[in-house]
Amino acid sequence: MKGLDIIHSITTFTLEIVLFVLLIIAVSIVVNINLATNSFSDKSLLEKKQQRAEEAGVVESCYYNEIRSGNSQHPFDSQSIKSPTSTQKTDLGTEAKNKNNWIFLNHNIYGTRSSNQTIINKDNVGKLQVKWRLLNEFEIQDPPIIIDSRGYVQDHAGNILAFNTRTGHLVWKVHAGNGPTMGLAFGDGVLFASTASNATILAINSTDGKTIWQSHALGNPKAGYRIDAAPILWKDYIIAGSAGGSLPPGTGFVKGNITALNRTSGEIIWSLDTTTGEWVKPGKTPPNGGAAAWSGGSLDPETGIVYIPLGNPSPNYNSTTRQTPNLYSNHMIAVNITNGKMIWATPFVADGTVLNVRVPDTHDWDTSWGSSISKVPFDNGTQKKKVIGHDKMGNVIAMDAATGKEIW
């Protein structure tokens, strides 16, 4: 019996070895297939990225060409701007289907904050009553995005809430980043959100709140860099403006920038620095910075030009190290969205301004809270596009959309 047991044990052991070897061979074959597949996929993805970049006219860097403090030296020809070839269509917020919707932070792509709905009017506005309340732990500073029976809003701590507009019931809630955050962008069922001190942009599925992609950090969060403002959406582009340049409360090392991302992937297309000149050279004590694009802007879909106000220079209340022109802080700037080049820059509380103010700024008089674009008709049948901007001091300036020249 012992002999039989030994033979049985040897046979069993031999079978186990054979099975183990076969398992190793099978795993090896699967791994090789996966590696080959991944290699092919990575190559295809790279080729697609390169093709997309060539089609969109991606540029690695941009220059301030023919720009001075104030208006551009040469009038801007809107015919010279070539709109990008794009498979993405962007609603403007003025379409008939959006009559009762609010699809941008400031209602429409022009930033007018004016709804074309007709249900509420001067005769019944006084009869409005509270239908429901949505209670939230943190303050909500901006209007919600409204798409039919669904609403979306971002609170000041970075949470995003989806709710039923008829009942106020919460559909989902996600913590997308940190605060302060100030609104969302929406397009084709996707929400785009800033994450403040995470310094990124998120794309989120509006149905369930799940993240589709998150961009790389667009600046250094450790230095105080943030993305607070609602992104601006147009065609293949997502525009993100920086924040965190103030001293106080920040460190003063953050210099402003504006970044364009690919709507589908979150990849960076271009980045524009919003500070330039002697005043931001290294070695200043305290350091100089600011000119952050922290409050959003508007876009002209006919030309692909985005109009963004820039914040104060820092240190906020001490100008001893920045006596030269603080470009481009406290300016309204026009930027070609296809390549990130600045077209014109018009000063508010800054050198070259038409305002009767003292410069350099020592009171944090940001040019802020977005911009709006309007076509103004004249009695002779012509029209002119105007960009309206404002600052914390209470100044309002109307500018020619093509040149930046002050009108009133």
Protein backbone atom coordinates (compact mmCIF):
# COMPACT_ATOMS: atom_id res chain seq x y z
CA MET A 1 0.00 0.00 0.00
CA LYS A 2 2.87 2.33 0.77
CA GLY A 3 4.23 1.83 -2.72
CA LEU A 4 0.87 2.64 -4.29
CA ASP A 5 0.60 5.79 -2.15
CA ILE A 6 4.05 6.93 -3.27
CA ILE A 7 3.17 6.30 -6.97
CA HIS A 8 -0.11 8.20 -6.50
CA SER A 9 1.68 11.13 -4.86
CA ILE A 10 4.29 11.28 -7.66
CA THR A 11 1.59 11.17 -10.33
CA THR A 12 -0.42 13.92 -8.61
CA PHE A 13 2.70 16.10 -8.22
CA THR A 14 3.61 15.61 -11.89
CA LEU A 15 0.11 16.63 -12.99
CA GLU A 16 0.28 19.75 -10.81
CA ILE A 17 3.60 20.76 -12.39
CA VAL A 18 2.19 20.25 -15.89
CA LEU A 19 -0.90 22.31 -15.07
CA PHE A 20 1.27 25.07 -13.54
CA VAL A 21 3.47 25.24 -16.66
CA LEU A 22 0.40 25.38 -18.91
CA LEU A 23 -1.01 28.22 -16.76
CA ILE A 24 2.22 30.20 -17.12
CA ILE A 25 2.18 29.73 -20.90
CA ALA A 26 -1.46 30.90 -21.07
CA VAL A 27 -0.78 34.02 -18.96
CA SER A 28 2.25 34.83 -21.10
CA ILE A 29 0.16 34.64 -24.27
CA VAL A 30 -2.56 36.90 -22.79
CA VAL A 31 -0.01 39.46 -21.58
CA ASN A 32 1.68 39.57 -24.97
CA ILE A 33 -1.68 40.09 -26.67
CA ASN A 34 -2.59 42.90 -24.22
CA LEU A 35 0.79 44.60 -24.67
CA ALA A 36 0.42 44.49 -28.42
CA THR A 37 -3.14 45.81 -28.18
CA ASN A 38 -2.14 48.61 -25.78
CA SER A 39 0.78 49.55 -28.00
CA PHE A 40 -1.54 49.80 -30.99
CA SER A 41 -4.10 51.79 -28.96
CA ASP A 42 -1.45 54.19 -27.62
CA LYS A 43 -0.10 54.74 -31.11
CA SER A 44 -3.60 55.37 -32.47
CA LEU A 45 -4.37 57.76 -29.60
CA LEU A 46 -1.15 59.68 -30.21
CA GLU A 47 -1.91 59.94 -33.91
CA LYS A 48 -5.43 61.19 -33.11
CA LYS A 49 -4.05 63.78 -30.66
CA GLN A 50 -1.55 65.02 -33.23
CA GLN A 51 -4.24 65.20 -35.91
CA ARG A 52 -6.61 67.05 -33.55
CA ALA A 53 -3.88 69.50 -32.63
CA GLU A 54 -3.09 70.21 -36.29
CA GLU A 55 -6.76 70.69 -37.13
CA ALA A 56 -7.36 73.04 -34.23
CA GLY A 57 -4.24 75.10 -34.95
CA VAL A 58 -2.64 74.37 -31.57
CA VAL A 59 0.23 76.66 -30.63
CA GLU A 60 2.87 76.10 -27.97
CA SER A 61 3.25 79.75 -27.02
CA CYS A 62 1.96 83.16 -27.93
CA TYR A 63 3.28 86.68 -28.05
CA TYR A 64 1.80 90.07 -27.31
CA ASN A 65 2.01 91.55 -30.78
CA GLU A 66 1.32 95.22 -31.40
CA ILE A 67 -0.13 95.67 -27.88
CA ARG A 68 0.38 98.70 -25.68
CA SER A 69 -1.26 99.96 -22.51
CA GLY A 70 -4.64 101.08 -23.76
CA ASN A 71 -5.83 100.21 -27.23
CA SER A 72 -4.14 98.25 -30.00
CA GLN A 73 -1.94 100.26 -32.38
CA HIS A 74 -3.72 98.80 -35.42
CA PRO A 75 -7.49 98.33 -35.75
CA PHE A 76 -8.62 94.74 -35.42
CA ASP A 77 -10.05 93.20 -38.57
CA SER A 78 -12.63 90.60 -37.56
CA GLN A 79 -12.40 89.09 -41.05
CA SER A 80 -8.83 87.98 -40.30
CA ILE A 81 -10.02 85.61 -37.56
CA LYS A 82 -10.59 82.10 -38.82
CA SER A 83 -13.04 80.11 -36.74
CA PRO A 84 -11.69 76.66 -35.89
CA THR A 85 -12.87 73.58 -37.69
CA SER A 86 -14.93 71.81 -35.06
CA THR A 87 -17.31 68.92 -34.68
CA GLN A 88 -18.68 70.50 -31.48
CA LYS A 89 -21.71 72.76 -31.66
CA THR A 90 -22.28 75.25 -28.88
CA ASP A 91 -25.70 76.62 -27.98
CA LEU A 92 -25.60 80.37 -27.48
CA GLY A 93 -28.45 80.52 -24.97
CA THR A 94 -30.60 82.64 -27.27
CA GLU A 95 -32.18 79.80 -29.26
CA ALA A 96 -35.94 79.18 -29.16
CA LYS A 97 -35.39 75.81 -27.46
CA ASN A 98 -33.60 77.64 -24.62
CA LYS A 99 -36.34 80.21 -24.14
CA ASN A 100 -36.96 79.04 -20.58
CA ASN A 101 -33.45 77.75 -19.89
CA TRP A 102 -30.38 79.41 -18.39
CA ILE A 103 -27.43 77.60 -19.97
CA PHE A 104 -24.52 79.93 -19.12
CA LEU A 105 -23.50 81.52 -15.85
CA ASN A 106 -24.66 84.88 -17.22
CA HIS A 107 -27.56 83.35 -19.20
CA ASN A 108 -25.99 83.35 -22.68
CA ILE A 109 -22.59 83.35 -24.34
CA TYR A 110 -22.77 87.15 -24.69
CA GLY A 111 -22.97 87.58 -20.90
CA THR A 112 -26.10 89.75 -20.97
CA ARG A 113 -27.87 88.10 -17.97
CA SER A 114 -31.10 88.83 -19.84
CA SER A 115 -33.59 86.01 -20.35
CA ASN A 116 -35.88 85.87 -23.36
CA GLN A 117 -38.61 84.05 -21.42
CA THR A 118 -42.06 85.65 -21.44
CA ILE A 119 -43.81 83.86 -18.57
CA ILE A 120 -42.70 86.40 -15.95
CA ASN A 121 -43.44 90.00 -16.88
CA LYS A 122 -44.07 93.39 -15.29
CA ASP A 123 -47.72 92.54 -14.66
CA ASN A 124 -47.16 89.36 -12.64
CA VAL A 125 -43.68 89.70 -11.17
CA GLY A 126 -45.16 91.08 -7.96
CA LYS A 127 -47.24 87.95 -7.50
CA LEU A 128 -44.31 85.50 -7.41
CA GLN A 129 -44.20 83.23 -4.37
CA VAL A 130 -41.70 80.75 -2.99
CA LYS A 131 -42.46 77.26 -4.36
CA TRP A 132 -39.63 75.33 -2.69
CA ARG A 133 -36.27 75.80 -0.99
CA LEU A 134 -33.08 73.84 -1.52
CA LEU A 135 -31.09 73.98 1.70
CA ASN A 136 -27.31 73.66 1.43
CA GLU A 137 -24.52 73.77 4.00
CA PHE A 138 -22.48 76.37 2.06
CA GLU A 139 -23.42 79.62 0.36
CA ILE A 140 -24.33 79.67 -3.32
CA GLN A 141 -23.23 82.90 -4.99
CA ASP A 142 -24.13 82.38 -8.62
CA PRO A 143 -27.25 81.57 -10.65
CA PRO A 144 -27.85 77.89 -11.43
CA ILE A 145 -27.67 76.31 -14.86
CA ILE A 146 -31.25 75.41 -15.87
CA ILE A 147 -31.89 72.79 -18.55
CA ASP A 148 -35.62 72.04 -18.70
CA SER A 149 -36.55 70.19 -15.47
CA ARG A 150 -32.97 69.83 -14.23
CA GLY A 151 -30.88 72.44 -12.46
CA TYR A 152 -27.18 72.48 -11.58
CA VAL A 153 -25.33 74.74 -9.20
CA GLN A 154 -21.89 74.93 -7.58
CA ASP A 155 -21.57 76.20 -4.04
CA HIS A 156 -18.73 78.26 -2.58
CA ALA A 157 -16.98 75.16 -1.20
CA GLY A 158 -16.66 73.32 -4.52
CA ASN A 159 -19.70 71.04 -4.24
CA ILE A 160 -21.87 70.55 -7.32
CA LEU A 161 -25.58 69.87 -6.87
CA ALA A 162 -28.11 68.59 -9.39
CA PHE A 163 -31.77 69.18 -8.52
CA ASN A 164 -35.27 68.90 -9.92
CA THR A 165 -36.41 72.40 -10.89
CA ARG A 166 -40.09 71.56 -10.29
CA THR A 167 -39.74 70.08 -6.81
CA GLY A 168 -36.35 71.21 -5.52
CA HIS A 169 -35.44 67.62 -4.71
CA LEU A 170 -31.72 66.83 -4.82
CA VAL A 171 -30.81 64.42 -7.65
CA TRP A 172 -27.09 64.08 -6.89
CA LYS A 173 -24.29 65.94 -5.15
CA VAL A 174 -20.53 65.62 -5.61
CA HIS A 175 -17.54 67.31 -4.04
CA ALA A 176 -15.66 68.40 -7.15
CA GLY A 177 -12.91 70.48 -5.57
CA ASN A 178 -12.24 73.23 -3.07
CA GLY A 179 -13.58 76.75 -2.73
CA PRO A 180 -14.15 79.48 -3.51
CA THR A 181 -15.81 78.41 -6.73
CA MET A 182 -18.21 80.52 -8.75
CA GLY A 183 -20.32 78.68 -11.27
CA LEU A 184 -20.51 76.11 -14.04
CA ALA A 185 -20.53 75.75 -17.82
CA PHE A 186 -22.77 73.28 -19.65
CA GLY A 187 -22.77 71.68 -23.08
CA ASP A 188 -24.13 68.45 -24.61
CA GLY A 189 -24.90 66.84 -21.27
CA VAL A 190 -21.52 67.70 -19.72
CA LEU A 191 -20.84 70.12 -16.87
CA PHE A 192 -17.49 71.91 -16.69
CA ALA A 193 -16.36 73.09 -13.28
CA SER A 194 -13.42 74.85 -11.67
CA THR A 195 -11.82 73.40 -8.52
CA ALA A 196 -10.28 76.51 -6.90
CA SER A 197 -7.09 75.52 -5.02
CA ASN A 198 -6.88 72.20 -6.86
CA ALA A 199 -6.11 74.43 -9.88
CA THR A 200 -7.87 72.11 -12.34
CA ILE A 201 -10.96 71.94 -14.55
CA LEU A 202 -13.37 69.01 -14.32
CA ALA A 203 -15.75 67.59 -16.93
CA ILE A 204 -18.71 65.90 -15.22
CA ASN A 205 -21.56 63.77 -16.56
CA SER A 206 -24.68 65.80 -15.82
CA THR A 207 -26.81 62.66 -15.52
CA ASP A 208 -25.01 61.03 -12.59
CA GLY A 209 -22.28 63.45 -11.45
CA LYS A 210 -19.42 61.14 -12.41
CA THR A 211 -16.12 62.67 -13.53
CA ILE A 212 -15.34 62.30 -17.25
CA TRP A 213 -11.91 63.94 -17.12
CA GLN A 214 -9.83 66.23 -14.95
CA SER A 215 -7.18 68.52 -16.41
CA HIS A 216 -3.63 68.85 -15.20
CA ALA A 217 -3.03 71.66 -12.68
CA LEU A 218 -2.94 74.91 -14.65
CA GLY A 219 -0.64 76.60 -12.13
CA ASN A 220 1.14 75.92 -8.86
CA PRO A 221 -1.39 75.42 -6.03
CA LYS A 222 1.41 75.53 -3.43
CA ALA A 223 2.14 79.13 -4.45
CA GLY A 224 -1.57 79.99 -4.03
CA TYR A 225 -2.67 79.53 -7.66
CA ARG A 226 -6.42 78.82 -8.04
CA ILE A 227 -9.15 78.45 -10.65
CA ASP A 228 -12.29 80.05 -9.17
CA ALA A 229 -14.38 81.36 -12.07
CA ALA A 230 -16.85 79.38 -14.13
CA PRO A 231 -15.21 78.10 -17.34
CA ILE A 232 -16.21 79.61 -20.68
CA LEU A 233 -17.36 77.06 -23.28
CA TRP A 234 -17.29 77.46 -27.06
CA LYS A 235 -16.91 74.77 -29.71
CA ASP A 236 -13.83 72.67 -28.85
CA TYR A 237 -12.55 75.20 -26.29
CA ILE A 238 -12.85 75.51 -22.54
CA ILE A 239 -11.42 78.78 -21.18
CA ALA A 240 -10.16 78.90 -17.59
CA GLY A 241 -8.98 82.04 -15.80
CA SER A 242 -6.60 82.09 -12.85
CA ALA A 243 -7.02 83.48 -9.35
CA GLY A 244 -4.92 83.69 -6.20
CA GLY A 245 -2.63 86.58 -7.15
CA SER A 246 -3.54 88.96 -4.34
CA LEU A 247 -1.32 89.91 -1.40
CA PRO A 248 -3.04 89.81 1.06
CA PRO A 249 -4.42 87.18 1.54
CA GLY A 250 -2.10 85.24 -0.79
CA THR A 251 1.68 85.12 -1.02
CA GLY A 252 1.95 87.51 -3.96
CA PHE A 253 3.90 85.12 -6.15
CA VAL A 254 1.02 84.18 -8.47
CA LYS A 255 0.93 85.97 -11.81
CA GLY A 256 -2.27 85.74 -13.81
CA ASN A 257 -2.89 83.57 -16.85
CA ILE A 258 -5.70 82.36 -19.10
CA THR A 259 -5.71 78.78 -20.36
CA ALA A 260 -7.59 77.10 -23.21
CA LEU A 261 -8.34 73.39 -22.84
CA ASN A 262 -9.66 70.82 -25.28
CA ARG A 263 -13.32 70.25 -24.49
CA THR A 264 -13.14 66.50 -25.12
CA SER A 265 -9.92 65.57 -23.32
CA GLY A 266 -8.97 68.46 -21.01
CA GLU A 267 -5.59 68.82 -22.68
CA ILE A 268 -4.01 72.29 -22.73
CA ILE A 269 -4.23 74.05 -26.11
CA TRP A 270 -2.60 77.35 -25.15
CA SER A 271 -1.83 79.51 -22.12
CA LEU A 272 -1.60 83.30 -22.06
CA ASP A 273 0.31 85.17 -19.34
CA THR A 274 -1.58 88.31 -18.31
CA THR A 275 1.38 90.14 -16.74
CA THR A 276 4.35 91.65 -18.54
CA GLY A 277 6.94 94.38 -18.06
CA GLU A 278 9.48 95.59 -15.54
CA TRP A 279 7.05 95.54 -12.64
CA VAL A 280 6.90 91.71 -12.54
CA LYS A 281 10.62 91.01 -12.96
CA PRO A 282 12.10 88.68 -10.29
CA GLY A 283 13.72 90.04 -7.15
CA LYS A 284 10.97 92.40 -5.97
CA THR A 285 10.36 92.54 -2.21
CA PRO A 286 7.50 92.13 -1.62
CA PRO A 287 6.88 90.19 -4.86
CA ASN A 288 4.58 91.62 -7.51
CA GLY A 289 1.83 89.68 -9.24
CA GLY A 290 -1.90 89.60 -9.86
CA ALA A 291 -3.78 90.55 -13.05
CA ALA A 292 -5.85 87.40 -12.49
CA ALA A 293 -8.78 86.47 -14.72
CA TRP A 294 -10.81 85.40 -11.70
CA SER A 295 -14.32 86.50 -12.65
CA GLY A 296 -15.10 85.06 -16.08
CA GLY A 297 -16.02 86.83 -19.30
CA SER A 298 -18.05 86.64 -22.52
CA LEU A 299 -17.46 85.52 -26.10
CA ASP A 300 -18.47 86.70 -29.54
CA PRO A 301 -19.34 83.54 -31.55
CA GLU A 302 -19.14 85.46 -34.83
CA THR A 303 -15.42 86.18 -34.39
CA GLY A 304 -14.22 83.73 -31.74
CA ILE A 305 -13.02 86.59 -29.54
CA VAL A 306 -13.30 86.25 -25.77
CA TYR A 307 -13.47 89.37 -23.60
CA ILE A 308 -12.04 88.93 -20.10
CA PRO A 309 -11.54 91.47 -17.30
CA LEU A 310 -8.32 91.24 -15.28
CA GLY A 311 -7.95 91.89 -11.57
CA ASN A 312 -5.75 94.17 -9.51
CA PRO A 313 -1.97 94.20 -9.23
CA SER A 314 -0.46 92.97 -5.99
CA PRO A 315 0.59 93.75 -3.33
CA ASN A 316 -2.94 95.09 -3.13
CA TYR A 317 -2.29 98.13 -0.96
CA ASN A 318 1.45 98.77 -1.43
CA SER A 319 2.72 100.01 -4.81
CA THR A 320 6.30 100.85 -3.85
CA THR A 321 7.74 97.99 -5.93
CA ARG A 322 5.47 98.54 -8.95
CA GLN A 323 5.75 102.18 -10.01
CA THR A 324 6.06 101.30 -13.72
CA PRO A 325 2.90 100.40 -15.72
CA ASN A 326 1.27 97.35 -14.11
CA LEU A 327 0.37 95.60 -17.36
CA TYR A 328 -2.22 94.08 -17.78
CA SER A 329 -3.81 94.38 -14.36
CA ASN A 330 -7.14 96.25 -14.18
CA HIS A 331 -7.64 95.93 -17.95
CA MET A 332 -10.33 94.50 -20.17
CA ILE A 333 -8.60 92.32 -22.76
CA ALA A 334 -9.75 90.75 -26.03
CA VAL A 335 -8.20 87.37 -26.88
CA ASN A 336 -8.40 85.25 -30.02
CA ILE A 337 -9.70 81.94 -28.68
CA THR A 338 -8.12 79.91 -31.49
CA ASN A 339 -4.51 80.77 -30.62
CA GLY A 340 -4.46 82.72 -27.36
CA LYS A 341 -3.15 85.97 -28.82
CA MET A 342 -4.18 89.24 -27.22
CA ILE A 343 -5.89 91.62 -29.66
CA TRP A 344 -6.35 94.67 -27.48
CA ALA A 345 -6.19 95.74 -23.83
CA THR A 346 -8.14 98.69 -22.41
CA PRO A 347 -7.16 100.09 -18.97
CA PHE A 348 -9.58 100.90 -16.15
CA VAL A 349 -7.71 101.84 -12.94
CA ALA A 350 -4.36 101.59 -14.71
CA ASP A 351 -1.90 103.69 -16.74
CA GLY A 352 -3.45 105.16 -19.90
CA THR A 353 -7.02 105.13 -18.57
CA VAL A 354 -9.70 107.61 -19.60
CA LEU A 355 -10.98 107.56 -16.02
CA ASN A 356 -10.09 110.30 -13.58
CA VAL A 357 -8.37 108.00 -11.09
CA ARG A 358 -5.05 107.71 -9.32
CA VAL A 359 -2.59 105.05 -10.51
CA PRO A 360 -1.04 102.68 -9.71
CA ASP A 361 -3.93 100.98 -7.96
CA THR A 362 -3.56 100.71 -4.17
CA HIS A 363 -7.17 99.79 -3.31
CA ASP A 364 -7.81 96.46 -5.07
CA TRP A 365 -10.02 98.07 -7.76
CA ASP A 366 -10.33 94.93 -9.90
CA THR A 367 -11.82 95.10 -13.36
CA SER A 368 -14.15 92.25 -12.58
CA TRP A 369 -17.39 90.30 -12.73
CA GLY A 370 -17.25 89.44 -16.37
CA SER A 371 -18.18 91.40 -19.48
CA SER A 372 -21.13 91.62 -21.86
CA ILE A 373 -21.39 92.05 -25.64
CA SER A 374 -24.19 93.91 -27.39
CA LYS A 375 -25.03 94.97 -30.93
CA VAL A 376 -26.18 98.57 -30.76
CA PRO A 377 -28.39 99.76 -33.67
CA PHE A 378 -28.15 103.31 -35.01
CA ASP A 379 -30.73 105.50 -36.74
CA ASN A 380 -28.94 105.15 -40.09
CA GLY A 381 -29.52 101.38 -40.03
CA THR A 382 -25.99 100.40 -39.06
CA GLN A 383 -24.89 98.45 -36.01
CA LYS A 384 -21.81 98.43 -33.82
CA LYS A 385 -20.70 95.80 -31.34
CA LYS A 386 -19.89 97.08 -27.89
CA VAL A 387 -18.25 95.39 -24.93
CA ILE A 388 -19.35 96.57 -21.49
CA GLY A 389 -16.93 96.28 -18.57
CA HIS A 390 -16.90 97.45 -14.96
CA ASP A 391 -14.72 97.53 -11.88
CA LYS A 392 -15.01 97.47 -8.09
CA MET A 393 -14.81 101.26 -7.92
CA GLY A 394 -18.11 101.43 -9.79
CA ASN A 395 -16.79 102.59 -13.16
CA VAL A 396 -18.51 101.30 -16.29
CA ILE A 397 -16.88 101.61 -19.72
CA ALA A 398 -18.35 100.78 -23.13
CA MET A 399 -15.69 99.77 -25.65
CA ASP A 400 -15.64 99.13 -29.37
CA ALA A 401 -15.53 95.34 -29.62
CA ALA A 402 -13.12 95.44 -32.57
CA THR A 403 -10.56 97.92 -31.23
CA GLY A 404 -11.14 98.36 -27.50
CA LYS A 405 -11.53 102.12 -27.97
CA GLU A 406 -13.60 103.69 -25.21
CA ILE A 407 -17.01 104.94 -26.41
CA TRP A 408 -18.39 106.17 -23.07
